[in-house]
N, C-alpha and C. Protein backbone atom coordinates (compact mmCIF):
# COMPACT_ATOMS: atom_id res chain seq x y z
N MET A 1 23.28 9.48 29.00
CA MET A 1 23.54 8.63 27.83
C MET A 1 24.87 8.91 27.29
N ASN A 2 25.63 7.86 27.02
CA ASN A 2 26.91 8.04 26.41
C ASN A 2 26.89 8.23 24.87
N THR A 3 27.98 8.48 24.25
CA THR A 3 28.00 8.67 22.87
C THR A 3 27.59 7.55 22.04
N MET A 4 27.95 6.32 22.42
CA MET A 4 27.57 5.10 21.64
C MET A 4 26.07 4.90 21.77
N ASP A 5 25.55 5.11 22.88
CA ASP A 5 24.04 4.95 23.05
C ASP A 5 23.30 5.96 22.18
N LYS A 6 23.84 7.18 22.16
CA LYS A 6 23.17 8.23 21.25
C LYS A 6 23.30 7.87 19.83
N CYS A 7 24.44 7.35 19.36
CA CYS A 7 24.68 6.90 17.98
C CYS A 7 23.67 5.71 17.63
N MET A 8 23.46 4.73 18.61
CA MET A 8 22.62 3.65 18.30
C MET A 8 21.13 4.14 18.22
N LEU A 9 20.77 5.14 19.10
CA LEU A 9 19.47 5.60 19.08
C LEU A 9 19.13 6.39 17.76
N ALA A 10 20.16 7.17 17.39
CA ALA A 10 20.04 7.95 16.10
C ALA A 10 19.88 7.00 14.88
N ALA A 11 20.65 5.96 14.87
CA ALA A 11 20.58 4.92 13.82
C ALA A 11 19.23 4.27 13.80
N LEU A 12 18.69 3.97 14.97
CA LEU A 12 17.32 3.39 15.05
C LEU A 12 16.30 4.32 14.51
N VAL A 13 16.31 5.63 14.91
CA VAL A 13 15.39 6.57 14.39
C VAL A 13 15.51 6.77 12.92
N LEU A 14 16.74 6.81 12.42
CA LEU A 14 16.94 6.99 10.96
C LEU A 14 16.35 5.70 10.21
N GLY A 15 16.57 4.49 10.78
CA GLY A 15 16.08 3.31 10.22
C GLY A 15 14.55 3.38 10.12
N CYS A 16 13.94 3.86 11.07
CA CYS A 16 12.42 4.02 11.08
C CYS A 16 12.00 4.99 9.98
N LEU A 17 12.71 6.06 9.83
CA LEU A 17 12.34 7.06 8.75
C LEU A 17 12.64 6.55 7.42
N LEU A 18 13.70 5.81 7.20
CA LEU A 18 14.03 5.20 5.94
C LEU A 18 12.99 4.15 5.52
N GLN A 19 12.48 3.43 6.49
CA GLN A 19 11.48 2.41 6.15
C GLN A 19 10.31 3.00 5.44
N THR A 20 9.88 4.16 5.92
CA THR A 20 8.69 4.86 5.21
C THR A 20 9.04 5.39 3.80
N ALA A 21 10.35 5.59 3.54
CA ALA A 21 10.75 6.22 2.29
C ALA A 21 10.89 5.10 1.13
N TRP A 22 10.96 3.87 1.53
CA TRP A 22 11.10 2.79 0.58
C TRP A 22 9.85 2.68 -0.27
N ALA A 23 9.98 2.06 -1.45
CA ALA A 23 8.87 1.88 -2.40
C ALA A 23 7.78 1.09 -1.67
N ILE A 24 6.54 1.38 -2.10
CA ILE A 24 5.43 0.69 -1.61
C ILE A 24 5.25 -0.66 -2.29
N LYS A 25 4.69 -1.54 -1.57
CA LYS A 25 4.34 -2.95 -2.09
C LYS A 25 2.82 -3.07 -2.17
N CYS A 26 2.35 -3.52 -3.31
CA CYS A 26 0.84 -3.61 -3.59
C CYS A 26 0.53 -4.99 -3.99
N TRP A 27 -0.80 -5.33 -3.82
CA TRP A 27 -1.33 -6.52 -4.40
C TRP A 27 -1.53 -6.23 -5.84
N ASP A 28 -1.25 -7.28 -6.66
CA ASP A 28 -1.41 -7.14 -8.16
C ASP A 28 -2.16 -8.39 -8.69
N CYS A 29 -3.47 -8.08 -8.97
CA CYS A 29 -4.27 -9.25 -9.48
C CYS A 29 -5.52 -8.69 -10.16
N ARG A 30 -6.26 -9.64 -10.83
CA ARG A 30 -7.51 -9.23 -11.52
C ARG A 30 -8.44 -10.41 -11.24
N SER A 31 -9.69 -10.00 -10.85
CA SER A 31 -10.70 -10.98 -10.49
C SER A 31 -11.11 -11.86 -11.71
N ASP A 32 -10.99 -11.27 -12.89
CA ASP A 32 -11.40 -12.14 -14.09
C ASP A 32 -10.36 -13.24 -14.31
N ASN A 33 -9.16 -13.15 -13.77
CA ASN A 33 -8.13 -14.18 -13.85
C ASN A 33 -8.05 -15.05 -12.56
N ASP A 34 -8.37 -14.44 -11.46
CA ASP A 34 -8.26 -15.04 -10.08
C ASP A 34 -9.45 -14.56 -9.27
N PRO A 35 -10.37 -15.44 -8.99
CA PRO A 35 -11.54 -15.07 -8.15
C PRO A 35 -11.16 -14.58 -6.74
N LYS A 36 -10.06 -14.94 -6.29
CA LYS A 36 -9.61 -14.52 -4.90
C LYS A 36 -9.26 -13.09 -4.88
N CYS A 37 -9.16 -12.40 -6.05
CA CYS A 37 -8.84 -10.96 -6.11
C CYS A 37 -10.12 -10.09 -5.79
N GLY A 38 -11.29 -10.73 -5.86
CA GLY A 38 -12.43 -9.96 -5.71
C GLY A 38 -12.67 -9.62 -4.18
N ASP A 39 -13.88 -9.21 -3.84
CA ASP A 39 -14.26 -9.01 -2.42
C ASP A 39 -15.25 -10.05 -2.01
N PRO A 40 -15.00 -10.68 -0.91
CA PRO A 40 -13.90 -10.51 -0.01
C PRO A 40 -12.58 -10.89 -0.48
N PHE A 41 -11.46 -10.05 -0.32
CA PHE A 41 -10.21 -10.30 -0.86
C PHE A 41 -9.48 -11.44 -0.08
N ASP A 42 -8.90 -12.42 -0.80
CA ASP A 42 -8.15 -13.55 -0.24
C ASP A 42 -6.68 -13.53 -0.78
N ASN A 43 -5.75 -13.03 -0.06
CA ASN A 43 -4.40 -12.94 -0.57
C ASN A 43 -3.56 -14.18 -0.18
N SER A 44 -4.13 -15.19 0.25
CA SER A 44 -3.46 -16.38 0.72
C SER A 44 -2.50 -17.00 -0.34
N THR A 45 -2.84 -16.84 -1.66
CA THR A 45 -2.09 -17.49 -2.67
C THR A 45 -1.43 -16.46 -3.57
N LEU A 46 -1.46 -15.17 -3.19
CA LEU A 46 -0.91 -14.07 -3.99
C LEU A 46 0.43 -13.57 -3.35
N ALA A 47 1.30 -13.27 -4.23
CA ALA A 47 2.55 -12.62 -3.72
C ALA A 47 2.38 -11.12 -3.88
N ILE A 48 2.91 -10.38 -2.91
CA ILE A 48 2.78 -8.85 -2.96
C ILE A 48 3.92 -8.39 -3.89
N THR A 49 3.58 -7.27 -4.65
CA THR A 49 4.51 -6.75 -5.67
C THR A 49 5.24 -5.48 -5.16
N ASP A 50 6.50 -5.52 -5.28
CA ASP A 50 7.29 -4.22 -5.01
C ASP A 50 7.10 -3.38 -6.19
N CYS A 51 6.42 -2.15 -5.91
CA CYS A 51 6.18 -1.30 -7.07
C CYS A 51 7.47 -0.63 -7.57
N GLN A 52 8.54 -0.67 -6.86
CA GLN A 52 9.82 -0.09 -7.37
C GLN A 52 10.31 -1.00 -8.56
N GLN A 53 9.92 -2.26 -8.57
CA GLN A 53 10.30 -3.24 -9.60
C GLN A 53 9.31 -3.18 -10.78
N ALA A 54 8.23 -2.45 -10.63
CA ALA A 54 7.29 -2.42 -11.69
C ALA A 54 7.85 -1.77 -12.98
N PRO A 55 7.41 -2.21 -14.11
CA PRO A 55 8.06 -1.69 -15.41
C PRO A 55 7.53 -0.28 -15.63
N GLU A 56 8.44 0.51 -16.37
CA GLU A 56 8.04 1.83 -16.78
C GLU A 56 6.99 1.70 -17.85
N LEU A 57 5.99 2.53 -17.76
CA LEU A 57 4.94 2.51 -18.79
C LEU A 57 5.36 3.32 -20.00
N GLU A 58 5.01 2.83 -21.21
CA GLU A 58 5.40 3.48 -22.43
C GLU A 58 4.85 4.90 -22.49
N HIS A 59 3.58 5.00 -22.04
CA HIS A 59 2.99 6.34 -22.19
C HIS A 59 3.21 7.30 -21.01
N LEU A 60 3.96 6.84 -20.02
CA LEU A 60 4.38 7.64 -18.86
C LEU A 60 5.86 7.54 -18.56
N LYS A 61 6.58 7.98 -19.52
CA LYS A 61 8.09 7.94 -19.39
C LYS A 61 8.60 8.65 -18.15
N GLY A 62 9.41 8.02 -17.42
CA GLY A 62 9.98 8.66 -16.20
C GLY A 62 9.12 8.64 -14.98
N VAL A 63 7.86 8.22 -15.05
CA VAL A 63 6.94 8.17 -13.98
C VAL A 63 6.98 6.88 -13.28
N ARG A 64 7.19 6.86 -11.95
CA ARG A 64 7.36 5.64 -11.17
C ARG A 64 6.05 5.52 -10.28
N PRO A 65 5.65 4.28 -10.02
CA PRO A 65 4.43 4.08 -9.13
C PRO A 65 4.77 4.54 -7.67
N THR A 66 3.88 5.28 -7.04
CA THR A 66 4.08 5.59 -5.69
C THR A 66 2.95 5.27 -4.77
N MET A 67 1.96 4.61 -5.33
CA MET A 67 0.76 4.28 -4.57
C MET A 67 0.22 2.90 -5.03
N CYS A 68 -0.80 2.44 -4.29
CA CYS A 68 -1.52 1.21 -4.71
C CYS A 68 -2.94 1.63 -5.14
N ARG A 69 -3.49 0.78 -5.94
CA ARG A 69 -4.88 1.12 -6.31
C ARG A 69 -5.77 -0.13 -6.36
N LYS A 70 -6.96 0.06 -6.23
CA LYS A 70 -7.99 -0.99 -6.32
C LYS A 70 -9.18 -0.38 -7.11
N ILE A 71 -9.45 -1.11 -8.16
CA ILE A 71 -10.59 -0.61 -8.99
C ILE A 71 -11.70 -1.68 -8.90
N ARG A 72 -12.89 -1.22 -8.60
CA ARG A 72 -14.10 -2.06 -8.61
C ARG A 72 -14.95 -1.62 -9.73
N GLN A 73 -15.32 -2.57 -10.57
CA GLN A 73 -15.96 -2.12 -11.87
C GLN A 73 -17.14 -3.10 -12.08
N LYS A 74 -18.28 -2.48 -12.39
CA LYS A 74 -19.50 -3.23 -12.71
C LYS A 74 -19.84 -2.97 -14.25
N VAL A 75 -19.70 -4.03 -15.05
CA VAL A 75 -20.01 -3.83 -16.46
C VAL A 75 -21.11 -4.81 -16.84
N HIS A 76 -22.20 -4.34 -17.25
CA HIS A 76 -23.43 -5.16 -17.60
C HIS A 76 -23.74 -6.18 -16.50
N GLY A 77 -23.78 -5.67 -15.25
CA GLY A 77 -24.15 -6.49 -14.14
C GLY A 77 -23.17 -7.41 -13.50
N GLU A 78 -21.90 -7.42 -14.13
CA GLU A 78 -20.80 -8.31 -13.56
C GLU A 78 -19.78 -7.46 -12.86
N TRP A 79 -19.45 -7.82 -11.59
CA TRP A 79 -18.38 -7.05 -10.89
C TRP A 79 -17.00 -7.70 -11.16
N ARG A 80 -16.04 -6.68 -11.40
CA ARG A 80 -14.70 -7.03 -11.62
C ARG A 80 -13.76 -6.15 -10.66
N TYR A 81 -12.68 -6.84 -10.29
CA TYR A 81 -11.78 -6.15 -9.32
C TYR A 81 -10.40 -6.17 -9.88
N PHE A 82 -9.69 -5.05 -9.80
CA PHE A 82 -8.27 -4.92 -10.35
C PHE A 82 -7.44 -4.29 -9.15
N ARG A 83 -6.37 -4.93 -8.81
CA ARG A 83 -5.47 -4.42 -7.80
C ARG A 83 -4.04 -4.27 -8.37
N SER A 84 -3.40 -3.16 -8.16
CA SER A 84 -2.03 -2.97 -8.75
C SER A 84 -1.36 -1.73 -8.17
N CYS A 85 -0.15 -1.53 -8.70
CA CYS A 85 0.52 -0.28 -8.38
C CYS A 85 -0.07 0.81 -9.15
N ALA A 86 -0.06 2.05 -8.53
CA ALA A 86 -0.59 3.24 -9.21
C ALA A 86 0.50 4.22 -9.53
N TYR A 87 0.50 4.71 -10.73
CA TYR A 87 1.51 5.69 -11.21
C TYR A 87 1.19 7.08 -11.01
N MET A 88 -0.12 7.48 -11.04
CA MET A 88 -0.54 8.90 -10.95
C MET A 88 -1.68 9.07 -10.04
N GLY A 89 -1.96 10.31 -9.68
CA GLY A 89 -3.07 10.58 -8.81
C GLY A 89 -2.62 10.93 -7.35
N GLU A 90 -3.56 10.95 -6.52
CA GLU A 90 -3.28 11.27 -5.04
C GLU A 90 -4.02 10.17 -4.25
N PRO A 91 -3.56 9.93 -3.01
CA PRO A 91 -4.20 8.91 -2.25
C PRO A 91 -5.60 9.31 -1.87
N GLY A 92 -6.52 8.45 -2.07
CA GLY A 92 -7.91 8.77 -1.71
C GLY A 92 -8.44 9.95 -2.37
N ILE A 93 -9.35 10.66 -1.67
CA ILE A 93 -9.83 11.92 -2.19
C ILE A 93 -9.43 12.99 -1.18
N GLU A 94 -8.80 14.02 -1.72
CA GLU A 94 -8.11 15.03 -0.99
C GLU A 94 -7.25 14.48 0.13
N GLY A 95 -6.48 13.39 -0.13
CA GLY A 95 -5.51 12.74 0.75
C GLY A 95 -6.17 11.84 1.85
N ASP A 96 -7.51 11.73 1.81
CA ASP A 96 -8.14 10.80 2.72
C ASP A 96 -8.44 9.43 2.06
N GLU A 97 -7.78 8.45 2.43
CA GLU A 97 -7.77 7.16 1.83
C GLU A 97 -9.07 6.33 2.08
N ARG A 98 -9.93 6.85 3.05
CA ARG A 98 -11.21 6.23 3.35
C ARG A 98 -12.16 6.45 2.20
N PHE A 99 -11.91 7.36 1.34
CA PHE A 99 -12.84 7.72 0.26
C PHE A 99 -12.28 7.39 -1.09
N CYS A 100 -13.16 6.89 -2.05
CA CYS A 100 -12.77 6.52 -3.30
C CYS A 100 -13.53 7.32 -4.42
N LEU A 101 -12.95 7.45 -5.53
CA LEU A 101 -13.57 8.16 -6.70
C LEU A 101 -14.60 7.27 -7.34
N MET A 102 -15.73 7.75 -7.57
CA MET A 102 -16.85 6.85 -8.11
C MET A 102 -17.32 7.55 -9.42
N ARG A 103 -17.54 6.67 -10.43
CA ARG A 103 -17.97 7.18 -11.76
C ARG A 103 -19.02 6.21 -12.28
N THR A 104 -20.04 6.70 -12.99
CA THR A 104 -21.00 5.81 -13.56
C THR A 104 -21.07 6.27 -15.10
N GLY A 105 -21.55 5.40 -15.93
CA GLY A 105 -21.58 5.67 -17.31
C GLY A 105 -22.87 5.02 -17.85
N SER A 106 -23.09 5.21 -19.16
CA SER A 106 -24.21 4.66 -19.81
C SER A 106 -24.01 3.09 -19.91
N TYR A 107 -25.01 2.45 -20.29
CA TYR A 107 -24.95 1.01 -20.50
C TYR A 107 -24.59 0.26 -19.25
N ASN A 108 -25.11 0.68 -18.07
CA ASN A 108 -24.98 -0.01 -16.81
C ASN A 108 -23.56 -0.26 -16.47
N ILE A 109 -22.76 0.85 -16.45
CA ILE A 109 -21.33 0.76 -16.06
C ILE A 109 -21.11 1.56 -14.80
N PHE A 110 -20.49 0.99 -13.84
CA PHE A 110 -20.14 1.69 -12.59
C PHE A 110 -18.65 1.39 -12.22
N MET A 111 -17.92 2.43 -11.77
CA MET A 111 -16.51 2.20 -11.41
C MET A 111 -16.18 3.00 -10.17
N GLU A 112 -15.42 2.25 -9.26
CA GLU A 112 -14.95 2.90 -8.08
C GLU A 112 -13.49 2.68 -8.08
N PHE A 113 -12.71 3.83 -8.01
CA PHE A 113 -11.23 3.89 -8.11
C PHE A 113 -10.64 4.32 -6.79
N CYS A 114 -9.96 3.46 -6.11
CA CYS A 114 -9.34 3.75 -4.79
C CYS A 114 -7.82 3.78 -4.89
N THR A 115 -7.20 4.76 -4.30
CA THR A 115 -5.75 4.80 -4.25
C THR A 115 -5.26 4.99 -2.83
N CYS A 116 -4.11 4.45 -2.47
CA CYS A 116 -3.58 4.58 -1.09
C CYS A 116 -2.02 4.49 -1.16
N ASN A 117 -1.42 4.99 -0.09
CA ASN A 117 -0.02 4.78 0.10
C ASN A 117 0.42 4.80 1.54
N SER A 118 -0.61 4.47 2.39
CA SER A 118 -0.38 4.53 3.85
C SER A 118 0.50 3.36 4.28
N LYS A 119 0.44 2.26 3.67
CA LYS A 119 1.26 1.08 4.06
C LYS A 119 1.27 0.03 2.89
N ASP A 120 2.18 -0.85 3.05
CA ASP A 120 2.28 -1.93 2.02
C ASP A 120 1.01 -2.75 2.06
N GLY A 121 0.51 -3.09 0.82
CA GLY A 121 -0.73 -3.88 0.78
C GLY A 121 -2.04 -3.15 1.06
N CYS A 122 -1.95 -1.87 1.12
CA CYS A 122 -3.19 -1.14 1.41
C CYS A 122 -4.31 -1.25 0.43
N ASN A 123 -4.02 -1.87 -0.76
CA ASN A 123 -5.10 -2.08 -1.78
C ASN A 123 -5.76 -3.46 -1.54
N GLY A 124 -5.59 -4.00 -0.36
CA GLY A 124 -6.22 -5.31 -0.03
C GLY A 124 -7.60 -5.13 0.39
N ALA A 125 -8.05 -5.84 1.43
CA ALA A 125 -9.37 -5.73 2.02
C ALA A 125 -9.53 -4.32 2.70
N GLY A 126 -10.80 -4.06 2.96
CA GLY A 126 -11.08 -2.76 3.60
C GLY A 126 -10.45 -2.57 4.94
N LEU A 127 -10.31 -3.73 5.67
CA LEU A 127 -9.72 -3.63 7.05
C LEU A 127 -8.21 -3.59 6.91
N GLN A 128 -7.57 -2.54 7.42
CA GLN A 128 -6.17 -2.29 7.35
C GLN A 128 -5.48 -3.16 8.33
N ARG A 129 -4.52 -4.02 7.94
CA ARG A 129 -3.77 -4.85 8.86
C ARG A 129 -2.32 -4.44 8.83
N SER A 130 -1.66 -4.35 10.01
CA SER A 130 -0.24 -4.03 10.06
C SER A 130 0.57 -5.18 9.53
N SER A 131 1.71 -4.91 8.83
CA SER A 131 2.60 -5.89 8.40
C SER A 131 3.40 -6.40 9.60
N LEU A 132 3.88 -7.62 9.60
CA LEU A 132 4.58 -8.20 10.77
C LEU A 132 5.90 -7.50 10.90
N THR A 133 6.56 -7.07 9.77
CA THR A 133 7.83 -6.32 9.83
C THR A 133 7.60 -4.99 10.57
N SER A 134 6.58 -4.26 10.33
CA SER A 134 6.36 -3.01 10.95
C SER A 134 6.02 -3.15 12.48
N VAL A 135 5.36 -4.18 12.87
CA VAL A 135 5.04 -4.48 14.23
C VAL A 135 6.39 -4.79 14.94
N LEU A 136 7.16 -5.73 14.37
CA LEU A 136 8.41 -6.11 15.01
C LEU A 136 9.39 -4.94 15.16
N PHE A 137 9.42 -4.17 14.08
CA PHE A 137 10.40 -2.98 14.09
C PHE A 137 9.98 -1.96 15.12
N GLY A 138 8.64 -1.71 15.17
CA GLY A 138 8.16 -0.81 16.16
C GLY A 138 8.33 -1.23 17.58
N THR A 139 8.16 -2.52 17.83
CA THR A 139 8.42 -3.13 19.14
C THR A 139 9.87 -2.89 19.57
N LEU A 140 10.76 -3.29 18.60
CA LEU A 140 12.20 -3.09 18.87
C LEU A 140 12.54 -1.68 19.22
N ALA A 141 11.95 -0.80 18.41
CA ALA A 141 12.27 0.69 18.68
C ALA A 141 11.80 1.15 19.98
N VAL A 142 10.58 0.73 20.40
CA VAL A 142 10.07 1.16 21.71
C VAL A 142 10.98 0.56 22.78
N GLY A 143 11.38 -0.72 22.67
CA GLY A 143 12.22 -1.36 23.67
C GLY A 143 13.48 -0.67 23.86
N LEU A 144 14.17 -0.34 22.70
CA LEU A 144 15.47 0.35 22.75
C LEU A 144 15.36 1.77 23.40
N VAL A 145 14.41 2.56 22.97
CA VAL A 145 14.21 3.83 23.58
C VAL A 145 13.99 3.79 25.04
N ALA A 146 13.09 2.84 25.46
CA ALA A 146 12.84 2.64 26.90
C ALA A 146 14.18 2.30 27.61
N HIS A 147 14.97 1.41 27.01
CA HIS A 147 16.26 1.03 27.65
C HIS A 147 17.21 2.16 27.80
N PHE A 148 17.30 3.04 26.77
CA PHE A 148 18.21 4.20 26.86
C PHE A 148 17.68 5.23 27.81
N LEU A 149 16.38 5.40 28.00
CA LEU A 149 15.83 6.42 28.85
C LEU A 149 16.13 6.04 30.36
N ARG A 150 16.10 4.75 30.62
CA ARG A 150 16.28 4.26 31.99
C ARG A 150 17.69 4.49 32.49
N GLN A 151 18.62 4.58 31.57
CA GLN A 151 20.05 4.78 31.97
C GLN A 151 20.37 6.21 32.32
């Protein structure tokens, strides 16, 4: 491998690492305003929100959102869903995003609080789908590495 090839390979690897360091993008909606926000989730008419652009919260000065959240809430028999950027907490329970925090209260109230940061839009439907950008970038990376290794 010549010096130019090594530089290109290093730039590609650095690009892959930087992609994971960028701010996460999350779905932002409420089922009481948009029924498509509920389950099953339909994001066909929703734009994904870049959490880096989310406003600073007055009661959390200097804290930036680093995760997505989905809240499922049953109040007096009616289900409500909230999806947004999350400012505090940890992904899932003990880092496992497959599990959500559940709470119940008096007066027939139930709440499920799920947080994630594994990929953009992770607060969508339960089935995780890869973004087109990640798939294309990964394919390009594999192709370039294979090309350089053959030389």
